[in-house]
Amino acid sequence: MKTCHQFAVLREEYEREIGYLSAHSQRHAGRPSAKASAKQATTTKARMARALSGHVRRCPECG
């Protein structure tokens, strides 16, 4: 699937945020903040999927 530059930028931003949250969760395992970060990472993955699919529907270059 060929995608545009904006799709790649949007995906990179979400993946970076998910990486930060996952790393924090692993570093602080056993603490309440780790559990919150893990849950937020899962939520962010769902938001990324929704944002990227919406982009593909609207973008003439991607869709």
C-alpha atoms as a PDB file:
ATOM      1  CA  MET A   1       0.000   0.000   0.000  1.00  0.00           C
ATOM      2  CA  LYS A   2       1.455   3.332  -1.039  1.00  0.00           C
ATOM      3  CA  THR A   3       0.977   6.085   1.516  1.00  0.00           C
ATOM      4  CA  CYS A   4       1.718   9.791   1.587  1.00  0.00           C
ATOM      5  CA  HIS A   5       4.242  11.706   3.678  1.00  0.00           C
ATOM      6  CA  GLN A   6       1.583  12.913   6.126  1.00  0.00           C
ATOM      7  CA  PHE A   7       0.562   9.303   6.862  1.00  0.00           C
ATOM      8  CA  ALA A   8       4.178   8.426   7.696  1.00  0.00           C
ATOM      9  CA  VAL A   9       4.562  11.478   9.958  1.00  0.00           C
ATOM     10  CA  LEU A  10       1.320  10.710  11.794  1.00  0.00           C
ATOM     11  CA  ARG A  11       2.327   7.072  12.265  1.00  0.00           C
ATOM     12  CA  GLU A  12       5.815   7.997  13.539  1.00  0.00           C
ATOM     13  CA  GLU A  13       4.353  10.372  16.143  1.00  0.00           C
ATOM     14  CA  TYR A  14       1.994   7.730  17.499  1.00  0.00           C
ATOM     15  CA  GLU A  15       4.673   5.025  17.488  1.00  0.00           C
ATOM     16  CA  ARG A  16       7.072   7.299  19.372  1.00  0.00           C
ATOM     17  CA  GLU A  17       4.459   8.023  22.032  1.00  0.00           C
ATOM     18  CA  ILE A  18       3.612   4.325  22.360  1.00  0.00           C
ATOM     19  CA  GLY A  19       7.318   3.537  22.711  1.00  0.00           C
ATOM     20  CA  TYR A  20       7.745   6.074  25.503  1.00  0.00           C
ATOM     21  CA  LEU A  21       4.739   4.759  27.385  1.00  0.00           C
ATOM     22  CA  SER A  22       5.783   1.115  26.992  1.00  0.00           C
ATOM     23  CA  ALA A  23       9.349   1.854  28.105  1.00  0.00           C
ATOM     24  CA  HIS A  24       8.083   3.706  31.168  1.00  0.00           C
ATOM     25  CA  SER A  25       5.829   0.782  31.996  1.00  0.00           C
ATOM     26  CA  GLN A  26       8.732  -1.667  31.794  1.00  0.00           C
ATOM     27  CA  ARG A  27      11.114   0.526  33.795  1.00  0.00           C
ATOM     28  CA  HIS A  28       8.650   1.003  36.630  1.00  0.00           C
ATOM     29  CA  ALA A  29       7.133  -2.483  36.724  1.00  0.00           C
ATOM     30  CA  GLY A  30       5.073  -3.146  39.817  1.00  0.00           C
ATOM     31  CA  ARG A  31       4.193   0.483  40.438  1.00  0.00           C
ATOM     32  CA  PRO A  32       0.815   2.096  39.809  1.00  0.00           C
ATOM     33  CA  SER A  33       2.374   4.452  37.256  1.00  0.00           C
ATOM     34  CA  ALA A  34       3.543   1.454  35.216  1.00  0.00           C
ATOM     35  CA  LYS A  35       0.040   0.076  35.059  1.00  0.00           C
ATOM     36  CA  ALA A  36      -1.317   3.468  34.008  1.00  0.00           C
ATOM     37  CA  SER A  37       1.317   3.803  31.282  1.00  0.00           C
ATOM     38  CA  ALA A  38       0.584   0.331  29.935  1.00  0.00           C
ATOM     39  CA  LYS A  39      -3.121   1.103  29.773  1.00  0.00           C
ATOM     40  CA  GLN A  40      -2.451   4.451  28.107  1.00  0.00           C
ATOM     41  CA  ALA A  41      -0.198   2.741  25.526  1.00  0.00           C
ATOM     42  CA  THR A  42      -3.026   0.356  24.659  1.00  0.00           C
ATOM     43  CA  THR A  43      -5.447   3.259  24.307  1.00  0.00           C
ATOM     44  CA  THR A  44      -2.944   5.136  22.144  1.00  0.00           C
ATOM     45  CA  LYS A  45      -2.649   2.126  19.813  1.00  0.00           C
ATOM     46  CA  ALA A  46      -6.403   2.215  19.288  1.00  0.00           C
ATOM     47  CA  ARG A  47      -6.328   5.978  18.658  1.00  0.00           C
ATOM     48  CA  MET A  48      -3.511   5.481  16.138  1.00  0.00           C
ATOM     49  CA  ALA A  49      -5.515   2.877  14.242  1.00  0.00           C
ATOM     50  CA  ARG A  50      -8.554   5.160  14.177  1.00  0.00           C
ATOM     51  CA  ALA A  51      -6.520   8.184  13.060  1.00  0.00           C
ATOM     52  CA  LEU A  52      -4.678   6.310  10.317  1.00  0.00           C
ATOM     53  CA  SER A  53      -7.797   4.670   8.918  1.00  0.00           C
ATOM     54  CA  GLY A  54      -9.527   8.056   8.911  1.00  0.00           C
ATOM     55  CA  HIS A  55      -6.564   9.557   7.102  1.00  0.00           C
ATOM     56  CA  VAL A  56      -6.648   6.852   4.431  1.00  0.00           C
ATOM     57  CA  ARG A  57     -10.363   7.479   3.855  1.00  0.00           C
ATOM     58  CA  ARG A  58      -9.858  11.231   3.405  1.00  0.00           C
ATOM     59  CA  CYS A  59      -6.508  11.374   1.615  1.00  0.00           C
ATOM     60  CA  PRO A  60      -6.654  11.136  -2.185  1.00  0.00           C
ATOM     61  CA  GLU A  61      -3.043   9.961  -2.361  1.00  0.00           C
ATOM     62  CA  CYS A  62      -3.385   7.140   0.191  1.00  0.00           C
ATOM     63  CA  GLY A  63      -6.898   5.930  -0.631  1.00  0.00           C
END
